[in-house]
Amino acid sequence: MTRLLYGLCGEDRARRFSPHVWKVEMALAHKGLDCRVVPLGFTDIPKVEGGATKMVPYLIDGDQAVVDSFAIAQYLDATYPDRPTLFAGEGGRATARFVEAFSQTVLHPAITRMILLDIHDRLGPEDRAYFRKSREAAFGKSLEDVAAAAPAERAAFADKLNPLRYLLKKQPFIGGETPLFADYIVFGALQWARIVSPQPLLEPDDAVSGWFERCLDLHDGLGRAIPSAGTAEAA
């Protein structure tokens, strides 16, 4: 059986960057499940499986199709209970919901404002046109105007991670001694920025940076399979 995961990429099909797809890639590796990632541009998504989805990640596992990263993680834990857990029970699931809310309302908006123009610049022509039109409508201003505020946003970003920084003084992962899906939620957000933007978000001596490096090393270095934007541009 070939398990398929549809994910988002730019003009370079090898550099998949969606934070939500990265959550699922890490979750599948955590469960020890093989998967073929199918890269898509923004404008390719409506064509997937005859128009089966309007968003990614979209997982096809045998005769099951699941959309949305959290729903996929729940599906994986329910379907493969004999493999390492992603939630460690209902308490872990509830904690992951809180972490998702923190990521979606605090981290993602800040990161979006910092890397919006970087995302645009990595897309193919058709996707660039779609991205500019849709994001400028959402922000009510040009991508360049949003990007002009990126330095101030970057300067304020470290403080947004204080809750995670405080936690990591007590344990190596959000999940405790070993990672859980809650770790992959925040990892996906930071991996998104790492792959798209050459400007680092974290200082090397930051406790969050140490945690992120540990996450990059997980599952035989799955997160490092795609070099950072800064490394790729220097090569």
C-alpha atoms as a PDB file:
ATOM      1  CA  MET A   1       0.000   0.000   0.000  1.00  0.00           C
ATOM      2  CA  THR A   2       1.298   3.420  -0.940  1.00  0.00           C
ATOM      3  CA  ARG A   3       0.406   6.050   1.624  1.00  0.00           C
ATOM      4  CA  LEU A   4       0.215   9.538   0.064  1.00  0.00           C
ATOM      5  CA  LEU A   5       0.533  12.923   1.703  1.00  0.00           C
ATOM      6  CA  TYR A   6      -0.181  15.981  -0.420  1.00  0.00           C
ATOM      7  CA  GLY A   7       1.885  18.974   0.647  1.00  0.00           C
ATOM      8  CA  LEU A   8       2.690  22.527  -0.379  1.00  0.00           C
ATOM      9  CA  CYS A   9       5.854  23.656  -2.126  1.00  0.00           C
ATOM     10  CA  GLY A  10       7.193  26.548  -4.150  1.00  0.00           C
ATOM     11  CA  GLU A  11       8.668  26.572  -7.639  1.00  0.00           C
ATOM     12  CA  ASP A  12      11.368  24.213  -6.329  1.00  0.00           C
ATOM     13  CA  ARG A  13       9.305  21.069  -5.797  1.00  0.00           C
ATOM     14  CA  ALA A  14      11.912  19.635  -3.437  1.00  0.00           C
ATOM     15  CA  ARG A  15      11.399  22.419  -0.866  1.00  0.00           C
ATOM     16  CA  ARG A  16       8.029  21.651   0.715  1.00  0.00           C
ATOM     17  CA  PHE A  17       7.333  24.275   3.341  1.00  0.00           C
ATOM     18  CA  SER A  18       3.787  24.082   4.731  1.00  0.00           C
ATOM     19  CA  PRO A  19       3.901  24.138   8.554  1.00  0.00           C
ATOM     20  CA  HIS A  20       0.800  21.955   8.708  1.00  0.00           C
ATOM     21  CA  VAL A  21       2.230  19.353   6.350  1.00  0.00           C
ATOM     22  CA  TRP A  22       5.421  19.245   8.418  1.00  0.00           C
ATOM     23  CA  LYS A  23       3.356  18.415  11.496  1.00  0.00           C
ATOM     24  CA  VAL A  24       1.990  15.403   9.639  1.00  0.00           C
ATOM     25  CA  GLU A  25       5.342  14.328   8.213  1.00  0.00           C
ATOM     26  CA  MET A  26       6.777  14.300  11.720  1.00  0.00           C
ATOM     27  CA  ALA A  27       3.697  12.500  13.070  1.00  0.00           C
ATOM     28  CA  LEU A  28       3.970   9.771  10.428  1.00  0.00           C
ATOM     29  CA  ALA A  29       7.670   9.302  11.180  1.00  0.00           C
ATOM     30  CA  HIS A  30       6.876   9.225  14.916  1.00  0.00           C
ATOM     31  CA  LYS A  31       4.474   6.339  14.209  1.00  0.00           C
ATOM     32  CA  GLY A  32       7.013   4.612  11.957  1.00  0.00           C
ATOM     33  CA  LEU A  33       4.712   4.851   8.935  1.00  0.00           C
ATOM     34  CA  ASP A  34       6.063   5.190   5.413  1.00  0.00           C
ATOM     35  CA  CYS A  35       4.638   7.876   3.194  1.00  0.00           C
ATOM     36  CA  ARG A  36       5.202   9.433  -0.215  1.00  0.00           C
ATOM     37  CA  VAL A  37       4.898  13.209  -0.125  1.00  0.00           C
ATOM     38  CA  VAL A  38       3.338  14.668  -3.276  1.00  0.00           C
ATOM     39  CA  PRO A  39       4.440  18.316  -3.706  1.00  0.00           C
ATOM     40  CA  LEU A  40       1.908  20.848  -4.939  1.00  0.00           C
ATOM     41  CA  GLY A  41       1.803  24.530  -5.736  1.00  0.00           C
ATOM     42  CA  PHE A  42      -1.059  26.638  -4.367  1.00  0.00           C
ATOM     43  CA  THR A  43      -2.972  26.525  -7.639  1.00  0.00           C
ATOM     44  CA  ASP A  44      -2.541  22.731  -7.921  1.00  0.00           C
ATOM     45  CA  ILE A  45      -4.494  21.983  -4.744  1.00  0.00           C
ATOM     46  CA  PRO A  46      -8.013  22.165  -6.301  1.00  0.00           C
ATOM     47  CA  LYS A  47      -6.919  19.525  -8.839  1.00  0.00           C
ATOM     48  CA  VAL A  48      -5.973  16.904  -6.216  1.00  0.00           C
ATOM     49  CA  GLU A  49      -7.831  13.605  -6.530  1.00  0.00           C
ATOM     50  CA  GLY A  50     -10.442  15.130  -8.813  1.00  0.00           C
ATOM     51  CA  GLY A  51     -11.132  18.113  -6.568  1.00  0.00           C
ATOM     52  CA  ALA A  52     -11.322  16.122  -3.323  1.00  0.00           C
ATOM     53  CA  THR A  53      -9.820  18.856  -1.145  1.00  0.00           C
ATOM     54  CA  LYS A  54      -9.339  22.624  -0.975  1.00  0.00           C
ATOM     55  CA  MET A  55      -6.463  22.439   1.490  1.00  0.00           C
ATOM     56  CA  VAL A  56      -3.404  20.476   2.526  1.00  0.00           C
ATOM     57  CA  PRO A  57      -2.240  18.411   4.300  1.00  0.00           C
ATOM     58  CA  TYR A  58      -4.354  15.738   2.673  1.00  0.00           C
ATOM     59  CA  LEU A  59      -3.512  12.151   3.607  1.00  0.00           C
ATOM     60  CA  ILE A  60      -4.618   9.080   1.683  1.00  0.00           C
ATOM     61  CA  ASP A  61      -4.100   5.902   3.699  1.00  0.00           C
ATOM     62  CA  GLY A  62      -5.525   2.951   1.821  1.00  0.00           C
ATOM     63  CA  ASP A  63      -9.212   3.691   1.373  1.00  0.00           C
ATOM     64  CA  GLN A  64      -9.174   6.461   3.984  1.00  0.00           C
ATOM     65  CA  ALA A  65      -8.690  10.133   3.133  1.00  0.00           C
ATOM     66  CA  VAL A  66      -8.137  12.669   5.916  1.00  0.00           C
ATOM     67  CA  VAL A  67      -7.619  16.442   5.738  1.00  0.00           C
ATOM     68  CA  ASP A  68      -6.330  18.840   8.458  1.00  0.00           C
ATOM     69  CA  SER A  69      -3.173  18.167  10.460  1.00  0.00           C
ATOM     70  CA  PHE A  70      -4.838  17.672  13.847  1.00  0.00           C
ATOM     71  CA  ALA A  71      -7.496  15.384  12.378  1.00  0.00           C
ATOM     72  CA  ILE A  72      -4.755  13.372  10.685  1.00  0.00           C
ATOM     73  CA  ALA A  73      -2.828  13.023  13.954  1.00  0.00           C
ATOM     74  CA  GLN A  74      -5.983  11.795  15.704  1.00  0.00           C
ATOM     75  CA  TYR A  75      -6.644   9.384  12.852  1.00  0.00           C
ATOM     76  CA  LEU A  76      -3.113   7.987  13.058  1.00  0.00           C
ATOM     77  CA  ASP A  77      -3.330   7.399  16.812  1.00  0.00           C
ATOM     78  CA  ALA A  78      -6.740   5.728  16.497  1.00  0.00           C
ATOM     79  CA  THR A  79      -5.803   3.607  13.479  1.00  0.00           C
ATOM     80  CA  TYR A  80      -2.331   2.542  14.646  1.00  0.00           C
ATOM     81  CA  PRO A  81      -2.644   2.244  18.453  1.00  0.00           C
ATOM     82  CA  ASP A  82       0.163  -0.323  18.620  1.00  0.00           C
ATOM     83  CA  ARG A  83       2.690   2.276  17.449  1.00  0.00           C
ATOM     84  CA  PRO A  84       4.153   5.156  19.517  1.00  0.00           C
ATOM     85  CA  THR A  85       1.435   7.521  20.688  1.00  0.00           C
ATOM     86  CA  LEU A  86       1.169  11.095  19.455  1.00  0.00           C
ATOM     87  CA  PHE A  87      -0.925  12.309  22.400  1.00  0.00           C
ATOM     88  CA  ALA A  88      -0.348   9.956  25.373  1.00  0.00           C
ATOM     89  CA  GLY A  89      -4.022  10.061  26.294  1.00  0.00           C
ATOM     90  CA  GLU A  90      -6.814  12.592  26.521  1.00  0.00           C
ATOM     91  CA  GLY A  91      -4.761  14.989  28.626  1.00  0.00           C
ATOM     92  CA  GLY A  92      -2.077  15.071  25.955  1.00  0.00           C
ATOM     93  CA  ARG A  93      -4.691  15.626  23.283  1.00  0.00           C
ATOM     94  CA  ALA A  94      -6.148  18.564  25.208  1.00  0.00           C
ATOM     95  CA  THR A  95      -2.659  19.994  25.747  1.00  0.00           C
ATOM     96  CA  ALA A  96      -1.975  19.698  22.029  1.00  0.00           C
ATOM     97  CA  ARG A  97      -5.175  21.619  21.323  1.00  0.00           C
ATOM     98  CA  PHE A  98      -3.920  24.437  23.534  1.00  0.00           C
ATOM     99  CA  VAL A  99      -0.508  24.399  21.844  1.00  0.00           C
ATOM    100  CA  GLU A 100      -2.235  24.509  18.463  1.00  0.00           C
ATOM    101  CA  ALA A 101      -4.256  27.533  19.589  1.00  0.00           C
ATOM    102  CA  PHE A 102      -1.057  29.257  20.778  1.00  0.00           C
ATOM    103  CA  SER A 103       0.691  28.468  17.504  1.00  0.00           C
ATOM    104  CA  GLN A 104      -2.203  29.579  15.300  1.00  0.00           C
ATOM    105  CA  THR A 105      -2.978  32.815  17.142  1.00  0.00           C
ATOM    106  CA  VAL A 106       0.498  33.941  18.259  1.00  0.00           C
ATOM    107  CA  LEU A 107       3.265  32.267  16.241  1.00  0.00           C
ATOM    108  CA  HIS A 108       1.710  31.899  12.797  1.00  0.00           C
ATOM    109  CA  PRO A 109       0.519  35.511  12.444  1.00  0.00           C
ATOM    110  CA  ALA A 110       3.942  36.836  13.475  1.00  0.00           C
ATOM    111  CA  ILE A 111       5.854  34.451  11.215  1.00  0.00           C
ATOM    112  CA  THR A 112       3.517  35.185   8.317  1.00  0.00           C
ATOM    113  CA  ARG A 113       4.243  38.900   8.561  1.00  0.00           C
ATOM    114  CA  MET A 114       7.983  38.206   8.635  1.00  0.00           C
ATOM    115  CA  ILE A 115       8.197  35.792   5.710  1.00  0.00           C
ATOM    116  CA  LEU A 116       5.275  36.776   3.481  1.00  0.00           C
ATOM    117  CA  LEU A 117       7.452  38.230   0.725  1.00  0.00           C
ATOM    118  CA  ASP A 118       9.909  35.317   1.013  1.00  0.00           C
ATOM    119  CA  ILE A 119       7.061  32.884   0.349  1.00  0.00           C
ATOM    120  CA  HIS A 120       5.934  34.901  -2.668  1.00  0.00           C
ATOM    121  CA  ASP A 121       9.451  34.996  -4.111  1.00  0.00           C
ATOM    122  CA  ARG A 122       9.776  31.201  -3.936  1.00  0.00           C
ATOM    123  CA  LEU A 123       6.610  30.495  -5.912  1.00  0.00           C
ATOM    124  CA  GLY A 124       6.166  29.856  -9.613  1.00  0.00           C
ATOM    125  CA  PRO A 125       4.525  32.571 -11.780  1.00  0.00           C
ATOM    126  CA  GLU A 126       0.936  31.285 -11.535  1.00  0.00           C
ATOM    127  CA  ASP A 127       1.176  30.751  -7.791  1.00  0.00           C
ATOM    128  CA  ARG A 128       2.789  34.163  -7.304  1.00  0.00           C
ATOM    129  CA  ALA A 129      -0.184  35.857  -8.932  1.00  0.00           C
ATOM    130  CA  TYR A 130      -2.633  33.874  -6.788  1.00  0.00           C
ATOM    131  CA  PHE A 131      -0.640  34.449  -3.610  1.00  0.00           C
ATOM    132  CA  ARG A 132      -0.269  38.191  -4.122  1.00  0.00           C
ATOM    133  CA  LYS A 133      -3.951  38.706  -4.899  1.00  0.00           C
ATOM    134  CA  SER A 134      -5.247  36.589  -2.013  1.00  0.00           C
ATOM    135  CA  ARG A 135      -2.793  37.811   0.644  1.00  0.00           C
ATOM    136  CA  GLU A 136      -3.041  41.475  -0.274  1.00  0.00           C
ATOM    137  CA  ALA A 137      -6.817  41.153  -0.015  1.00  0.00           C
ATOM    138  CA  ALA A 138      -6.428  39.554   3.417  1.00  0.00           C
ATOM    139  CA  PHE A 139      -3.966  42.163   4.735  1.00  0.00           C
ATOM    140  CA  GLY A 140      -5.480  45.152   2.988  1.00  0.00           C
ATOM    141  CA  LYS A 141      -2.042  46.279   1.814  1.00  0.00           C
ATOM    142  CA  SER A 142       0.732  45.227  -0.554  1.00  0.00           C
ATOM    143  CA  LEU A 143       3.098  42.393   0.289  1.00  0.00           C
ATOM    144  CA  GLU A 144       5.911  44.944   0.271  1.00  0.00           C
ATOM    145  CA  ASP A 145       4.123  47.070   2.857  1.00  0.00           C
ATOM    146  CA  VAL A 146       3.670  44.030   5.087  1.00  0.00           C
ATOM    147  CA  ALA A 147       7.339  43.116   4.638  1.00  0.00           C
ATOM    148  CA  ALA A 148       8.413  46.636   5.636  1.00  0.00           C
ATOM    149  CA  ALA A 149       7.301  45.850   9.191  1.00  0.00           C
ATOM    150  CA  ALA A 150       9.209  42.546   9.302  1.00  0.00           C
ATOM    151  CA  PRO A 151      12.297  43.872  11.190  1.00  0.00           C
ATOM    152  CA  ALA A 152      10.146  45.128  14.069  1.00  0.00           C
ATOM    153  CA  GLU A 153       8.158  41.890  14.046  1.00  0.00           C
ATOM    154  CA  ARG A 154      11.385  39.886  14.162  1.00  0.00           C
ATOM    155  CA  ALA A 155      12.700  41.930  17.087  1.00  0.00           C
ATOM    156  CA  ALA A 156       9.534  41.195  19.063  1.00  0.00           C
ATOM    157  CA  PHE A 157       9.335  37.514  18.157  1.00  0.00           C
ATOM    158  CA  ALA A 158      11.592  36.134  20.909  1.00  0.00           C
ATOM    159  CA  ASP A 159       9.219  37.353  23.619  1.00  0.00           C
ATOM    160  CA  LYS A 160       6.356  35.434  22.041  1.00  0.00           C
ATOM    161  CA  LEU A 161       8.264  32.224  22.802  1.00  0.00           C
ATOM    162  CA  ASN A 162       8.663  32.915  26.537  1.00  0.00           C
ATOM    163  CA  PRO A 163       6.077  30.287  27.598  1.00  0.00           C
ATOM    164  CA  LEU A 164       7.938  27.619  25.633  1.00  0.00           C
ATOM    165  CA  ARG A 165      11.297  28.861  26.892  1.00  0.00           C
ATOM    166  CA  TYR A 166      10.082  28.601  30.484  1.00  0.00           C
ATOM    167  CA  LEU A 167       8.810  25.051  29.922  1.00  0.00           C
ATOM    168  CA  LEU A 168      12.070  23.908  28.311  1.00  0.00           C
ATOM    169  CA  LYS A 169      13.980  24.783  31.465  1.00  0.00           C
ATOM    170  CA  LYS A 170      12.195  21.815  33.045  1.00  0.00           C
ATOM    171  CA  GLN A 171      12.077  19.217  30.265  1.00  0.00           C
ATOM    172  CA  PRO A 172      13.631  18.576  26.842  1.00  0.00           C
ATOM    173  CA  PHE A 173      10.368  18.479  24.848  1.00  0.00           C
ATOM    174  CA  ILE A 174       6.875  19.890  25.142  1.00  0.00           C
ATOM    175  CA  GLY A 175       5.751  16.283  25.513  1.00  0.00           C
ATOM    176  CA  GLY A 176       8.183  15.687  28.386  1.00  0.00           C
ATOM    177  CA  GLU A 177      11.210  13.434  28.026  1.00  0.00           C
ATOM    178  CA  THR A 178      10.160  12.515  24.488  1.00  0.00           C
ATOM    179  CA  PRO A 179       8.250  14.474  21.828  1.00  0.00           C
ATOM    180  CA  LEU A 180       4.523  14.308  21.187  1.00  0.00           C
ATOM    181  CA  PHE A 181       2.308  15.914  18.563  1.00  0.00           C
ATOM    182  CA  ALA A 182       2.368  19.152  20.592  1.00  0.00           C
ATOM    183  CA  ASP A 183       6.082  19.423  19.735  1.00  0.00           C
ATOM    184  CA  TYR A 184       5.400  18.910  16.052  1.00  0.00           C
ATOM    185  CA  ILE A 185       2.839  21.727  16.061  1.00  0.00           C
ATOM    186  CA  VAL A 186       5.399  24.339  17.100  1.00  0.00           C
ATOM    187  CA  PHE A 187       8.153  22.651  15.092  1.00  0.00           C
ATOM    188  CA  GLY A 188       6.047  23.002  11.934  1.00  0.00           C
ATOM    189  CA  ALA A 189       5.783  26.761  12.419  1.00  0.00           C
ATOM    190  CA  LEU A 190       9.518  27.244  12.908  1.00  0.00           C
ATOM    191  CA  GLN A 191      10.405  24.793  10.121  1.00  0.00           C
ATOM    192  CA  TRP A 192       8.207  26.831   7.765  1.00  0.00           C
ATOM    193  CA  ALA A 193      10.312  29.929   8.465  1.00  0.00           C
ATOM    194  CA  ARG A 194      13.589  27.967   8.306  1.00  0.00           C
ATOM    195  CA  ILE A 195      12.841  26.632   4.815  1.00  0.00           C
ATOM    196  CA  VAL A 196      11.391  29.835   3.356  1.00  0.00           C
ATOM    197  CA  SER A 197      13.402  32.696   4.849  1.00  0.00           C
ATOM    198  CA  PRO A 198      17.194  33.160   5.046  1.00  0.00           C
ATOM    199  CA  GLN A 199      16.754  35.312   8.160  1.00  0.00           C
ATOM    200  CA  PRO A 200      16.976  33.173  11.341  1.00  0.00           C
ATOM    201  CA  LEU A 201      14.214  33.546  13.909  1.00  0.00           C
ATOM    202  CA  LEU A 202      16.190  32.324  16.919  1.00  0.00           C
ATOM    203  CA  GLU A 203      19.488  33.136  18.581  1.00  0.00           C
ATOM    204  CA  PRO A 204      21.826  30.105  18.776  1.00  0.00           C
ATOM    205  CA  ASP A 205      21.979  30.188  22.588  1.00  0.00           C
ATOM    206  CA  ASP A 206      18.188  30.329  23.004  1.00  0.00           C
ATOM    207  CA  ALA A 207      16.645  27.332  24.797  1.00  0.00           C
ATOM    208  CA  VAL A 208      14.014  27.230  22.048  1.00  0.00           C
ATOM    209  CA  SER A 209      16.789  26.988  19.470  1.00  0.00           C
ATOM    210  CA  GLY A 210      18.208  23.982  21.332  1.00  0.00           C
ATOM    211  CA  TRP A 211      14.776  22.339  21.352  1.00  0.00           C
ATOM    212  CA  PHE A 212      14.334  23.072  17.637  1.00  0.00           C
ATOM    213  CA  GLU A 213      17.709  21.474  16.863  1.00  0.00           C
ATOM    214  CA  ARG A 214      16.644  18.376  18.798  1.00  0.00           C
ATOM    215  CA  CYS A 215      13.447  18.255  16.749  1.00  0.00           C
ATOM    216  CA  LEU A 216      15.409  18.591  13.505  1.00  0.00           C
ATOM    217  CA  ASP A 217      17.433  15.533  14.561  1.00  0.00           C
ATOM    218  CA  LEU A 218      14.361  13.387  15.249  1.00  0.00           C
ATOM    219  CA  HIS A 219      13.434  10.455  12.996  1.00  0.00           C
ATOM    220  CA  ASP A 220      16.870  10.177  11.389  1.00  0.00           C
ATOM    221  CA  GLY A 221      17.074  13.908  10.787  1.00  0.00           C
ATOM    222  CA  LEU A 222      13.838  14.163   8.813  1.00  0.00           C
ATOM    223  CA  GLY A 223      13.598  17.901   9.420  1.00  0.00           C
ATOM    224  CA  ARG A 224      17.116  18.445   8.101  1.00  0.00           C
ATOM    225  CA  ALA A 225      16.313  16.681   4.811  1.00  0.00           C
ATOM    226  CA  ILE A 226      15.573  20.130   3.396  1.00  0.00           C
ATOM    227  CA  PRO A 227      18.402  22.626   4.030  1.00  0.00           C
ATOM    228  CA  SER A 228      17.551  25.961   5.581  1.00  0.00           C
ATOM    229  CA  ALA A 229      16.960  28.839   3.177  1.00  0.00           C
ATOM    230  CA  GLY A 230      20.162  30.512   4.368  1.00  0.00           C
ATOM    231  CA  THR A 231      22.241  27.379   3.712  1.00  0.00           C
ATOM    232  CA  ALA A 232      20.620  26.785   0.325  1.00  0.00           C
ATOM    233  CA  GLU A 233      21.281  30.357  -0.804  1.00  0.00           C
ATOM    234  CA  ALA A 234      24.898  30.231   0.338  1.00  0.00           C
ATOM    235  CA  ALA A 235      25.572  26.989  -1.554  1.00  0.00           C
END
